[in-house]
Amino acid sequence: MTRQRAQDDLGSTQDGRPGRTIRLDLAYEGTHYHGFGIQPGRPTIQEVLEQAVSQALDERVRVTPAGRTDAGVHASGQVVSLRTRSRLEATALLRATNARLPEDVLVTNAAEMPPEFDARRSAVRRQYRYTIWNQPTRSLWLRRWSWHVSAPLDLDRLRAASERLVGRRDFSGFAGGMAREPRGRSTIRTIERAEWMAEGGILKFDVTADAFLRHMARAIVGTLVWVARGRLGTEQLDWLLDGAERAHAGPNAPAAGLMLTRVEYPEEFRVQGSRFQQDPLLGTRSLER
């Protein structure tokens, strides 16, 4: 989309100036929300965010997310774009929006962008992190942020299986709700990174791809746990990666352990000063992305 077309689509202010495109970086705890996208009668991230931004700008706005997280899934690096005719500076919008948001949703950065920026279409890769509490006794403090797996998991088997995910493959065997997807939508995705880290009783899985199918990240984790526990062999995993049906894969891992941690864009859409919480255990760090 060209800059002029983007401006034409958005329209102009009363004084003839073209509308502006704003990028917001978000962090949120998804525990009490039915996912990102608006659902009538149910609380969602999009609903509370649009209400807060609309009040701050004194105009109704719609946001476009980089990805629509499921019910109960968290984010530390979600990105949304919106268009506005308001002249309110981005930094002022950040403060005004946060003053109106509930305590479990936070705008971490705001920046004015070129008109053609779209949080979803402009993204080139996304990263999720999944956290498992792998101890016999559940963790009181991590119950909202992790999946408690009491049986010991073989880290070497997890890592070896994860290496098989990397590359451009048909991930239909890890997709949920395909009946709700547009007919003919490709299930081919490229995973660039799939790595496990161990910190005491905590296992963390980072997976980066150009895009994810519905429930794909959680289905991958559930399947890898089956492999680590010996319920699924590597040959069966390879079969799944050749496009086998979803019924042959492991279950979706619980939503509480999943977090959208990063969305990456081409150089022309990167912003300075983006901050996000990597996860509740590692604190805050600053990144350019």
Protein backbone atom coordinates (compact mmCIF):
# COMPACT_ATOMS: atom_id res chain seq x y z
CA MET A 1 0.00 0.00 0.00
CA THR A 2 1.49 3.36 -1.01
CA ARG A 3 1.72 6.29 1.38
CA GLN A 4 -0.76 8.35 -0.67
CA ARG A 5 -3.29 5.50 -0.82
CA ALA A 6 -3.00 4.97 2.93
CA GLN A 7 -3.70 8.65 3.51
CA ASP A 8 -6.64 8.58 1.09
CA ASP A 9 -8.13 5.54 2.86
CA LEU A 10 -7.85 7.23 6.23
CA GLY A 11 -9.26 10.58 5.17
CA SER A 12 -8.34 14.06 6.38
CA THR A 13 -8.87 16.30 9.36
CA GLN A 14 -11.18 19.26 9.17
CA ASP A 15 -8.25 21.53 8.27
CA GLY A 16 -7.27 19.26 5.37
CA ARG A 17 -4.38 17.40 7.04
CA PRO A 18 -4.18 13.65 6.45
CA GLY A 19 -4.89 11.33 9.35
CA ARG A 20 -2.05 9.84 11.36
CA THR A 21 -0.98 6.23 11.95
CA ILE A 22 0.03 5.34 15.52
CA ARG A 23 1.82 2.24 16.79
CA LEU A 24 1.20 1.07 20.35
CA ASP A 25 3.28 -1.62 22.04
CA LEU A 26 1.34 -3.57 24.67
CA ALA A 27 1.79 -5.89 27.61
CA TYR A 28 -1.12 -7.66 29.26
CA GLU A 29 -2.08 -10.50 31.53
CA GLY A 30 -4.67 -12.53 29.65
CA THR A 31 -6.04 -14.44 32.65
CA HIS A 32 -9.35 -12.61 32.88
CA TYR A 33 -9.91 -12.00 29.16
CA HIS A 34 -11.50 -14.06 26.39
CA GLY A 35 -8.65 -13.37 24.01
CA PHE A 36 -7.68 -10.24 22.11
CA GLY A 37 -10.48 -9.87 19.56
CA ILE A 38 -13.85 -8.39 20.51
CA GLN A 39 -16.52 -10.91 21.56
CA PRO A 40 -20.00 -9.63 22.45
CA GLY A 41 -20.73 -9.98 26.15
CA ARG A 42 -17.21 -11.11 27.05
CA PRO A 43 -14.24 -9.02 28.24
CA THR A 44 -11.42 -8.82 25.68
CA ILE A 45 -8.15 -6.93 25.36
CA GLN A 46 -9.31 -5.14 22.22
CA GLU A 47 -12.46 -3.90 23.94
CA VAL A 48 -10.72 -2.32 26.93
CA LEU A 49 -7.90 -0.93 24.77
CA GLU A 50 -10.21 0.69 22.22
CA GLN A 51 -12.32 2.19 24.97
CA ALA A 52 -9.26 3.73 26.63
CA VAL A 53 -7.71 5.02 23.40
CA SER A 54 -11.02 6.40 22.13
CA GLN A 55 -11.50 8.34 25.36
CA ALA A 56 -7.94 9.65 25.23
CA LEU A 57 -8.33 10.81 21.61
CA ASP A 58 -11.97 11.90 21.94
CA GLU A 59 -12.86 9.90 18.83
CA ARG A 60 -13.82 6.32 18.11
CA VAL A 61 -10.89 4.20 16.94
CA ARG A 62 -10.27 0.63 15.88
CA VAL A 63 -6.96 -1.12 16.51
CA THR A 64 -5.27 -3.76 14.36
CA PRO A 65 -3.13 -6.24 16.34
CA ALA A 66 -0.03 -8.05 15.13
CA GLY A 67 -1.72 -11.24 16.32
CA ARG A 68 -4.95 -12.22 18.05
CA THR A 69 -4.02 -14.05 21.22
CA ASP A 70 -6.42 -16.67 22.59
CA ALA A 71 -8.35 -16.57 25.86
CA GLY A 72 -5.96 -16.67 28.80
CA VAL A 73 -2.82 -16.01 26.72
CA HIS A 74 -0.52 -13.19 27.81
CA ALA A 75 1.61 -10.69 25.91
CA SER A 76 4.72 -8.67 26.68
CA GLY A 77 5.42 -7.58 23.12
CA GLN A 78 2.07 -7.21 21.36
CA VAL A 79 1.84 -4.41 18.77
CA VAL A 80 -1.26 -2.67 17.45
CA SER A 81 -1.76 0.06 14.89
CA LEU A 82 -4.53 2.62 14.71
CA ARG A 83 -5.46 5.66 12.69
CA THR A 84 -6.56 8.96 14.13
CA ARG A 85 -7.28 12.53 13.13
CA SER A 86 -6.29 13.76 16.59
CA ARG A 87 -3.17 15.92 17.00
CA LEU A 88 -2.37 14.44 20.42
CA GLU A 89 1.31 13.50 20.55
CA ALA A 90 2.15 9.83 20.86
CA THR A 91 3.80 10.22 24.26
CA ALA A 92 0.74 12.04 25.57
CA LEU A 93 -1.49 9.32 24.13
CA LEU A 94 0.52 6.69 26.00
CA ARG A 95 0.02 8.44 29.33
CA ALA A 96 -3.65 9.19 28.71
CA THR A 97 -4.41 5.64 27.60
CA ASN A 98 -2.63 4.01 30.53
CA ALA A 99 -4.56 6.24 32.93
CA ARG A 100 -7.77 4.68 31.57
CA LEU A 101 -6.70 1.04 31.26
CA PRO A 102 -7.24 -1.67 33.89
CA GLU A 103 -4.19 -2.72 35.86
CA ASP A 104 -3.60 -5.89 33.82
CA VAL A 105 -3.18 -4.05 30.48
CA LEU A 106 -0.35 -1.60 29.78
CA VAL A 107 0.84 0.47 26.81
CA THR A 108 4.64 0.30 26.96
CA ASN A 109 5.45 2.51 23.98
CA ALA A 110 3.71 4.76 21.45
CA ALA A 111 5.05 6.19 18.21
CA GLU A 112 3.77 7.89 15.09
CA MET A 113 4.39 5.74 12.01
CA PRO A 114 4.31 6.07 8.22
CA PRO A 115 0.73 5.85 6.88
CA GLU A 116 1.34 2.45 5.29
CA PHE A 117 2.25 0.77 8.59
CA ASP A 118 -0.13 -2.02 9.58
CA ALA A 119 0.66 -3.99 12.76
CA ARG A 120 -0.41 -7.30 11.22
CA ARG A 121 0.45 -7.02 7.53
CA SER A 122 3.78 -5.27 8.08
CA ALA A 123 5.11 -7.84 10.58
CA VAL A 124 7.83 -10.19 9.31
CA ARG A 125 8.09 -12.51 12.33
CA ARG A 126 6.55 -13.18 15.71
CA GLN A 127 7.94 -14.84 18.83
CA TYR A 128 6.13 -16.71 21.57
CA ARG A 129 7.45 -18.05 24.85
CA TYR A 130 5.91 -20.98 26.67
CA THR A 131 6.68 -21.62 30.35
CA ILE A 132 6.39 -24.96 32.13
CA TRP A 133 6.72 -25.47 35.88
CA ASN A 134 8.27 -28.94 35.95
CA GLN A 135 8.17 -29.89 39.62
CA PRO A 136 6.14 -32.44 41.61
CA THR A 137 4.34 -29.69 43.53
CA ARG A 138 2.52 -26.87 41.77
CA SER A 139 3.75 -23.29 42.14
CA LEU A 140 1.39 -20.89 43.83
CA TRP A 141 3.15 -17.89 42.30
CA LEU A 142 3.43 -19.15 38.74
CA ARG A 143 -0.03 -20.66 38.36
CA ARG A 144 -1.20 -17.81 36.07
CA TRP A 145 1.95 -17.85 33.95
CA SER A 146 2.85 -21.49 33.43
CA TRP A 147 1.71 -25.07 32.85
CA HIS A 148 2.37 -27.35 35.79
CA VAL A 149 3.75 -30.69 34.55
CA SER A 150 4.58 -32.82 37.58
CA ALA A 151 6.25 -35.71 35.71
CA PRO A 152 9.94 -35.13 34.89
CA LEU A 153 10.53 -34.01 31.30
CA ASP A 154 13.60 -35.06 29.35
CA LEU A 155 15.21 -31.77 28.25
CA ASP A 156 17.42 -33.49 25.67
CA ARG A 157 14.38 -35.06 24.02
CA LEU A 158 12.58 -31.72 24.04
CA ARG A 159 15.51 -30.03 22.34
CA ALA A 160 16.05 -32.77 19.78
CA ALA A 161 12.35 -32.77 18.82
CA SER A 162 12.28 -28.98 18.60
CA GLU A 163 15.10 -28.95 16.07
CA ARG A 164 12.83 -30.87 13.69
CA LEU A 165 10.35 -27.98 13.70
CA VAL A 166 12.74 -25.48 12.15
CA GLY A 167 12.15 -24.74 8.47
CA ARG A 168 9.26 -24.14 6.09
CA ARG A 169 6.65 -26.83 6.65
CA ASP A 170 2.96 -27.68 6.58
CA PHE A 171 1.77 -27.13 10.15
CA SER A 172 -1.85 -28.19 9.59
CA GLY A 173 -1.30 -30.99 12.13
CA PHE A 174 -0.78 -28.30 14.79
CA ALA A 175 -3.65 -25.99 13.82
CA GLY A 176 -6.90 -25.70 15.75
CA GLY A 177 -10.25 -24.42 14.55
CA MET A 178 -9.45 -24.79 10.84
CA ALA A 179 -13.17 -24.78 10.13
CA ARG A 180 -13.19 -21.14 11.22
CA GLU A 181 -10.32 -20.17 8.92
CA PRO A 182 -10.90 -18.77 5.40
CA ARG A 183 -11.23 -21.53 2.85
CA GLY A 184 -8.02 -22.14 1.00
CA ARG A 185 -5.82 -20.45 3.59
CA SER A 186 -2.30 -21.86 3.49
CA THR A 187 -1.06 -23.86 6.47
CA ILE A 188 2.56 -23.47 5.38
CA ARG A 189 4.64 -21.54 7.92
CA THR A 190 8.36 -20.99 8.50
CA ILE A 191 9.76 -21.57 11.97
CA GLU A 192 13.14 -19.88 12.34
CA ARG A 193 13.90 -20.73 15.96
CA ALA A 194 12.64 -23.31 18.47
CA GLU A 195 14.74 -23.51 21.64
CA TRP A 196 14.30 -24.74 25.21
CA MET A 197 15.96 -23.24 28.29
CA ALA A 198 16.01 -24.63 31.81
CA GLU A 199 16.17 -22.53 34.97
CA GLY A 200 15.77 -24.76 38.00
CA GLY A 201 12.28 -26.21 37.80
CA ILE A 202 11.25 -23.79 35.06
CA LEU A 203 11.37 -24.79 31.39
CA LYS A 204 11.02 -22.06 28.78
CA PHE A 205 10.36 -22.63 25.10
CA ASP A 206 10.97 -19.80 22.61
CA VAL A 207 9.56 -20.24 19.12
CA THR A 208 9.87 -17.70 16.30
CA ALA A 209 8.01 -17.91 12.99
CA ASP A 210 6.85 -15.71 10.14
CA ALA A 211 3.30 -16.31 11.37
CA PHE A 212 1.32 -18.79 13.47
CA LEU A 213 -1.85 -20.72 12.79
CA ARG A 214 -4.66 -20.72 15.33
CA HIS A 215 -3.53 -22.66 18.47
CA MET A 216 -0.31 -23.63 16.68
CA ALA A 217 2.12 -22.62 19.44
CA ARG A 218 0.13 -24.42 22.15
CA ALA A 219 -0.29 -27.54 20.01
CA ILE A 220 3.45 -27.64 19.37
CA VAL A 221 4.21 -27.48 23.10
CA GLY A 222 1.63 -30.14 23.95
CA THR A 223 3.09 -32.42 21.29
CA LEU A 224 6.69 -31.84 22.40
CA VAL A 225 5.73 -32.74 25.97
CA TRP A 226 4.28 -36.01 24.66
CA VAL A 227 7.59 -36.66 22.90
CA ALA A 228 9.56 -35.90 26.08
CA ARG A 229 7.39 -38.31 28.05
CA GLY A 230 7.73 -41.06 25.44
CA ARG A 231 4.10 -40.99 24.32
CA LEU A 232 5.06 -39.91 20.81
CA GLY A 233 8.13 -40.86 18.77
CA THR A 234 10.22 -38.65 16.53
CA GLU A 235 8.97 -40.59 13.50
CA GLN A 236 5.39 -39.62 14.39
CA LEU A 237 6.51 -36.03 14.85
CA ASP A 238 8.00 -36.04 11.35
CA TRP A 239 4.70 -37.44 10.05
CA LEU A 240 2.84 -34.54 11.68
CA LEU A 241 5.24 -32.11 10.04
CA ASP A 242 4.35 -33.63 6.68
CA GLY A 243 0.78 -32.42 7.10
CA ALA A 244 -0.92 -35.16 9.13
CA GLU A 245 -4.28 -34.42 10.73
CA ARG A 246 -4.50 -32.53 14.02
CA ALA A 247 -6.00 -35.54 15.82
CA HIS A 248 -2.64 -37.32 15.71
CA ALA A 249 -0.75 -34.57 17.58
CA GLY A 250 -0.60 -33.92 21.29
CA PRO A 251 -3.14 -31.74 23.12
CA ASN A 252 -3.04 -27.96 23.24
CA ALA A 253 -0.90 -26.87 26.17
CA PRO A 254 -2.86 -24.66 28.62
CA ALA A 255 -3.19 -21.02 27.62
CA ALA A 256 -1.71 -19.70 30.88
CA GLY A 257 1.83 -20.71 29.92
CA LEU A 258 1.89 -18.85 26.59
CA MET A 259 3.09 -15.30 26.03
CA LEU A 260 3.52 -13.26 22.82
CA THR A 261 6.94 -11.75 23.50
CA ARG A 262 8.02 -10.03 20.32
CA VAL A 263 6.89 -8.84 16.90
CA GLU A 264 9.49 -7.79 14.34
CA TYR A 265 9.16 -5.37 11.43
CA PRO A 266 11.26 -4.17 8.50
CA GLU A 267 13.77 -1.43 9.23
CA GLU A 268 11.45 1.38 8.11
CA PHE A 269 8.89 0.39 10.76
CA ARG A 270 11.19 -0.13 13.74
CA VAL A 271 11.01 2.27 16.66
CA GLN A 272 13.46 3.30 19.32
CA GLY A 273 12.75 2.88 23.00
CA SER A 274 10.31 -0.04 22.83
CA ARG A 275 10.11 -1.66 26.25
CA PHE A 276 8.46 -4.87 27.30
CA GLN A 277 8.46 -7.34 30.11
CA GLN A 278 10.06 -10.50 28.79
CA ASP A 279 8.13 -12.42 31.42
CA PRO A 280 7.30 -12.05 35.11
CA LEU A 281 10.48 -13.91 36.14
CA LEU A 282 13.12 -12.08 34.11
CA GLY A 283 12.10 -8.46 34.67
CA THR A 284 12.23 -5.63 32.15
CA ARG A 285 14.67 -4.91 29.37
CA SER A 286 14.73 -2.48 26.46
CA LEU A 287 14.91 -3.59 22.83
CA GLU A 288 14.80 -2.08 19.40
CA ARG A 289 12.42 -3.95 17.15
